[in-house]
Amino acid sequence: MKQPLAYVHPDAKIAPNVVIEPFCTIDKNVFIGEGTRIGSNVTVLEGTRIGKNCIIFPGAVIGAIPQDLKFAGEETTVEIGDNTTIREFATINRGTAAKGKTIVGNGCLIMAYCHIAHDCMIGDHVILGNSTQLGGEVVVEDWAIFGGGTLVHQFSHIGAHVMIQGGSKINKDVPPFIKAAREPIAYCGINSIGLRRRNYTNEQIRDIQEIYRYLYQSGLNNSDAIERIEAELPATKERDEIILFVKNTPRGIIKGYF
């Protein structure tokens, strides 16, 4: 299935049923898993690992060296999970000595013109809308969705099941299960529609809403709000996930909308 007009380095490891369209470049030290399709004019550079049943659309560049002046040529990787789609002209840089790899999980959709910088850690089922730009060492947890044109500052942490308005500029951490919008970016309620689509019950959603009332509507600072949440609300997986996120954020979480 390899086109004669594509260049595939003899040391690249390509599964037998991978489709490689014309004018692609596949560098050395690359692995591409079964069922993946590499569109025309895609460039896959050294250190890239692509899983099974992925679709890479024309013009994408995966595995380019980091845009980081501290990068000294160390051996690092980009790792793409299974069943992920990368649309036209998206760019994903490999890691640096900081973490050694950039990761994009399973079942993600990376839309056209997105950029994922060095050492980012992207979870499963994440959607990046067109032209979303992630700075270095950003962490994005499972099921997060970014509207088009979102800009994310380096080192930011985006929680699971978050929905972010297109065109947002993110310079603080975004805790899980919420919607984030406005200018500057702010908490705008619970991502209840997304949670219902993922089979969260009404009781679980109400419990999450109550936690965020303490954090964003009680007038307490985050530390005092966490103390009251731990003292007054029953322990649940979602409660503990939110508490751990807020306690461990070095940048602080986004503000409320009041």
Protein backbone atom coordinates (compact mmCIF):
# COMPACT_ATOMS: atom_id res chain seq x y z
CA MET A 1 0.00 0.00 0.00
CA LYS A 2 3.06 2.30 -0.17
CA GLN A 3 3.06 4.69 -3.10
CA PRO A 4 6.23 4.83 -5.20
CA LEU A 5 6.13 8.62 -4.98
CA ALA A 6 6.39 8.52 -1.14
CA TYR A 7 9.72 8.36 0.67
CA VAL A 8 9.86 5.76 3.45
CA HIS A 9 13.15 5.36 5.28
CA PRO A 10 14.29 1.73 5.24
CA ASP A 11 14.57 1.71 9.03
CA ALA A 12 10.95 2.81 9.57
CA LYS A 13 8.67 0.09 10.95
CA ILE A 14 5.40 0.14 9.02
CA ALA A 15 2.62 -2.41 9.61
CA PRO A 16 1.71 -4.39 6.45
CA ASN A 17 -1.74 -2.83 5.89
CA VAL A 18 -0.81 0.84 6.42
CA VAL A 19 -1.77 3.13 3.52
CA ILE A 20 0.81 5.76 2.59
CA GLU A 21 -0.32 8.18 -0.11
CA PRO A 22 1.94 10.03 -2.61
CA PHE A 23 4.50 12.66 -1.63
CA CYS A 24 4.75 11.61 2.02
CA THR A 25 8.02 11.53 3.94
CA ILE A 26 8.44 8.85 6.61
CA ASP A 27 11.74 9.28 8.49
CA LYS A 28 13.90 6.76 10.35
CA ASN A 29 12.98 5.58 13.85
CA VAL A 30 9.26 5.77 13.05
CA PHE A 31 6.60 3.18 13.89
CA ILE A 32 3.13 3.17 12.27
CA GLY A 33 0.53 0.67 13.47
CA GLU A 34 -1.98 -1.46 11.61
CA GLY A 35 -4.83 0.10 9.68
CA THR A 36 -3.47 3.64 9.75
CA ARG A 37 -3.77 5.88 6.70
CA ILE A 38 -1.18 8.57 5.96
CA GLY A 39 -2.53 11.19 3.55
CA SER A 40 -0.57 12.87 0.78
CA ASN A 41 2.14 15.39 1.69
CA VAL A 42 2.26 14.28 5.32
CA THR A 43 5.69 14.46 7.00
CA VAL A 44 6.38 11.97 9.80
CA LEU A 45 9.76 12.66 11.35
CA GLU A 46 12.20 10.76 13.52
CA GLY A 47 10.91 9.54 16.88
CA THR A 48 7.23 9.31 15.92
CA ARG A 49 5.04 6.43 17.10
CA ILE A 50 1.56 6.22 15.54
CA GLY A 51 -0.95 3.66 16.76
CA LYS A 52 -3.55 1.55 14.98
CA ASN A 53 -6.40 2.79 12.75
CA CYS A 54 -5.36 6.44 12.78
CA ILE A 55 -6.07 8.84 9.91
CA ILE A 56 -3.52 11.57 9.16
CA PHE A 57 -4.82 14.13 6.65
CA PRO A 58 -2.70 15.91 4.01
CA GLY A 59 -0.10 18.43 5.10
CA ALA A 60 0.25 17.38 8.74
CA VAL A 61 3.76 17.37 10.27
CA ILE A 62 4.36 14.99 13.16
CA GLY A 63 7.58 14.64 15.12
CA ALA A 64 9.37 17.88 14.21
CA ILE A 65 11.94 18.99 16.77
CA PRO A 66 10.65 21.23 19.58
CA GLN A 67 10.41 24.98 19.14
CA ASP A 68 12.39 25.33 22.36
CA LEU A 69 15.85 26.90 22.42
CA LYS A 70 16.85 24.58 25.27
CA PHE A 71 16.45 21.53 23.03
CA ALA A 72 19.90 20.03 22.46
CA GLY A 73 19.11 17.21 20.05
CA GLU A 74 18.25 14.63 22.70
CA GLU A 75 16.42 11.49 21.57
CA THR A 76 12.72 12.02 22.25
CA THR A 77 9.39 10.88 20.82
CA VAL A 78 5.86 11.72 19.79
CA GLU A 79 3.37 8.99 20.67
CA ILE A 80 -0.07 8.94 19.01
CA GLY A 81 -2.66 6.48 20.34
CA ASP A 82 -5.08 4.27 18.40
CA ASN A 83 -8.10 5.53 16.41
CA THR A 84 -6.97 9.16 16.44
CA THR A 85 -7.63 11.54 13.55
CA ILE A 86 -5.24 14.39 12.73
CA ARG A 87 -6.58 16.85 10.18
CA GLU A 88 -4.90 19.04 7.58
CA PHE A 89 -1.71 20.96 8.47
CA ALA A 90 -1.76 20.11 12.17
CA THR A 91 1.71 20.07 13.78
CA ILE A 92 2.81 17.92 16.72
CA ASN A 93 6.35 18.39 18.06
CA ARG A 94 8.32 15.73 19.88
CA GLY A 95 9.44 16.05 23.49
CA THR A 96 12.48 17.57 25.17
CA ALA A 97 14.59 16.46 28.11
CA ALA A 98 11.81 17.79 30.38
CA LYS A 99 9.54 14.77 29.80
CA GLY A 100 11.07 12.99 26.86
CA LYS A 101 7.89 12.63 24.87
CA THR A 102 4.74 14.28 23.59
CA ILE A 103 1.62 12.13 23.92
CA VAL A 104 -1.74 12.22 22.13
CA GLY A 105 -4.14 9.57 23.41
CA ASN A 106 -6.68 7.22 21.85
CA GLY A 107 -9.74 8.35 19.93
CA CYS A 108 -8.73 12.02 19.69
CA LEU A 109 -9.68 14.49 16.97
CA ILE A 110 -7.02 17.10 16.22
CA MET A 111 -8.58 19.49 13.72
CA ALA A 112 -6.89 21.49 10.97
CA TYR A 113 -4.02 23.87 11.78
CA CYS A 114 -3.78 22.84 15.44
CA HIS A 115 -0.38 22.91 17.14
CA ILE A 116 0.66 20.62 19.99
CA ALA A 117 4.01 21.73 21.39
CA HIS A 118 6.76 19.69 23.04
CA ASP A 119 6.03 17.50 26.06
CA CYS A 120 2.25 17.98 25.97
CA MET A 121 0.24 15.14 27.48
CA ILE A 122 -3.16 14.76 25.78
CA GLY A 123 -5.59 12.18 27.17
CA ASP A 124 -8.14 10.01 25.37
CA HIS A 125 -11.15 11.28 23.35
CA VAL A 126 -9.92 14.89 23.36
CA ILE A 127 -11.14 17.25 20.62
CA LEU A 128 -9.06 20.27 19.59
CA GLY A 129 -11.05 22.63 17.35
CA ASN A 130 -9.45 24.21 14.29
CA SER A 131 -6.33 26.31 14.97
CA THR A 132 -6.15 25.52 18.68
CA GLN A 133 -2.59 26.12 19.90
CA LEU A 134 -1.11 24.33 22.92
CA GLY A 135 2.12 25.64 24.46
CA GLY A 136 4.81 23.37 25.83
CA GLU A 137 4.10 20.86 28.64
CA VAL A 138 0.33 21.41 28.64
CA VAL A 139 -1.66 18.57 30.21
CA VAL A 140 -5.16 17.83 28.86
CA GLU A 141 -7.23 15.13 30.53
CA ASP A 142 -9.75 12.76 28.89
CA TRP A 143 -12.85 14.02 27.02
CA ALA A 144 -11.87 17.70 27.06
CA ILE A 145 -13.21 19.72 24.11
CA PHE A 146 -11.68 22.97 22.83
CA GLY A 147 -13.53 25.35 20.54
CA GLY A 148 -11.60 26.60 17.52
CA GLY A 149 -8.83 29.15 17.95
CA THR A 150 -8.19 28.45 21.63
CA LEU A 151 -4.75 29.52 22.91
CA VAL A 152 -3.33 27.62 25.88
CA HIS A 153 -0.34 28.95 27.83
CA GLN A 154 2.56 26.60 28.48
CA PHE A 155 2.36 24.41 31.61
CA SER A 156 -1.44 24.78 31.84
CA HIS A 157 -3.55 21.87 33.07
CA ILE A 158 -7.00 21.21 31.59
CA GLY A 159 -9.25 18.83 33.52
CA ALA A 160 -11.38 16.00 32.22
CA HIS A 161 -14.79 16.59 30.58
CA VAL A 162 -14.14 20.32 30.16
CA MET A 163 -15.80 22.34 27.39
CA ILE A 164 -13.89 25.49 26.36
CA GLN A 165 -15.36 28.29 24.26
CA GLY A 166 -13.70 28.94 20.92
CA GLY A 167 -11.25 31.82 20.82
CA SER A 168 -10.44 31.54 24.52
CA LYS A 169 -7.05 32.45 25.98
CA ILE A 170 -6.13 30.13 28.84
CA ASN A 171 -3.44 31.19 31.32
CA LYS A 172 -4.77 29.40 34.42
CA ASP A 173 -5.68 25.78 35.06
CA VAL A 174 -9.22 24.66 34.18
CA PRO A 175 -10.70 22.19 36.69
CA PRO A 176 -12.68 19.13 35.55
CA PHE A 177 -16.36 18.86 34.52
CA ILE A 178 -16.93 22.56 33.76
CA LYS A 179 -17.61 24.96 30.92
CA ALA A 180 -15.10 27.79 30.49
CA ALA A 181 -15.83 30.91 28.46
CA ARG A 182 -15.92 34.74 28.47
CA GLU A 183 -13.02 37.21 28.26
CA PRO A 184 -10.96 36.81 30.36
CA ILE A 185 -11.61 33.09 30.65
CA ALA A 186 -13.96 32.17 33.53
CA TYR A 187 -16.03 29.36 35.01
CA CYS A 188 -19.46 29.30 33.33
CA GLY A 189 -21.18 26.31 34.92
CA ILE A 190 -21.04 22.54 34.68
CA ASN A 191 -20.64 20.71 31.36
CA SER A 192 -23.89 18.88 32.10
CA ILE A 193 -24.67 17.99 28.47
CA GLY A 194 -21.25 16.41 27.96
CA LEU A 195 -21.53 14.53 31.26
CA ARG A 196 -24.96 13.12 30.38
CA ARG A 197 -23.62 11.96 27.02
CA ARG A 198 -20.98 10.02 28.96
CA ASN A 199 -23.59 8.41 31.23
CA TYR A 200 -23.14 10.50 34.36
CA THR A 201 -26.32 10.35 36.41
CA ASN A 202 -28.38 13.37 37.46
CA GLU A 203 -27.28 12.73 41.04
CA GLN A 204 -23.59 12.80 40.06
CA ILE A 205 -24.10 16.03 38.11
CA ARG A 206 -25.92 17.65 41.06
CA ASP A 207 -23.06 16.63 43.37
CA ILE A 208 -20.52 18.22 41.00
CA GLN A 209 -22.61 21.40 40.83
CA GLU A 210 -22.68 21.59 44.63
CA ILE A 211 -18.89 21.30 44.82
CA TYR A 212 -18.45 24.17 42.39
CA ARG A 213 -20.95 26.32 44.34
CA TYR A 214 -18.49 26.15 47.24
CA LEU A 215 -15.54 26.99 44.98
CA TYR A 216 -17.10 29.75 42.90
CA GLN A 217 -20.22 31.09 44.63
CA SER A 218 -19.57 30.95 48.37
CA GLY A 219 -17.22 33.93 48.59
CA LEU A 220 -14.54 31.70 50.11
CA ASN A 221 -10.98 31.45 48.85
CA ASN A 222 -10.01 28.10 47.35
CA SER A 223 -8.31 26.74 50.46
CA ASP A 224 -11.28 27.52 52.72
CA ALA A 225 -13.72 26.22 50.12
CA ILE A 226 -11.81 22.92 49.91
CA GLU A 227 -11.87 22.57 53.71
CA ARG A 228 -15.65 23.00 53.76
CA ILE A 229 -16.14 20.63 50.81
CA GLU A 230 -14.14 17.95 52.62
CA ALA A 231 -16.04 18.54 55.87
CA GLU A 232 -19.58 18.94 54.55
CA LEU A 233 -19.94 16.96 51.30
CA PRO A 234 -19.85 13.16 51.00
CA ALA A 235 -16.76 11.60 49.45
CA THR A 236 -17.23 10.60 45.80
CA LYS A 237 -14.85 9.90 42.95
CA GLU A 238 -15.78 13.24 41.34
CA ARG A 239 -15.42 15.19 44.60
CA ASP A 240 -11.97 13.76 45.23
CA GLU A 241 -10.90 14.40 41.62
CA ILE A 242 -11.87 18.08 41.88
CA ILE A 243 -10.21 18.50 45.29
CA LEU A 244 -6.98 16.88 44.09
CA PHE A 245 -6.93 19.07 40.98
CA VAL A 246 -7.37 22.31 42.95
CA LYS A 247 -4.87 21.35 45.64
CA ASN A 248 -2.20 20.45 43.09
CA THR A 249 -2.46 23.41 40.73
CA PRO A 250 0.70 25.57 40.80
CA ARG A 251 -0.87 28.19 38.52
CA GLY A 252 -4.24 28.56 40.20
CA ILE A 253 -7.61 27.81 38.63
CA ILE A 254 -9.64 30.12 36.40
CA LYS A 255 -11.82 32.67 38.16
CA GLY A 256 -15.58 32.64 38.55
CA TYR A 257 -17.90 34.72 36.40
CA PHE A 258 -19.02 37.13 39.14
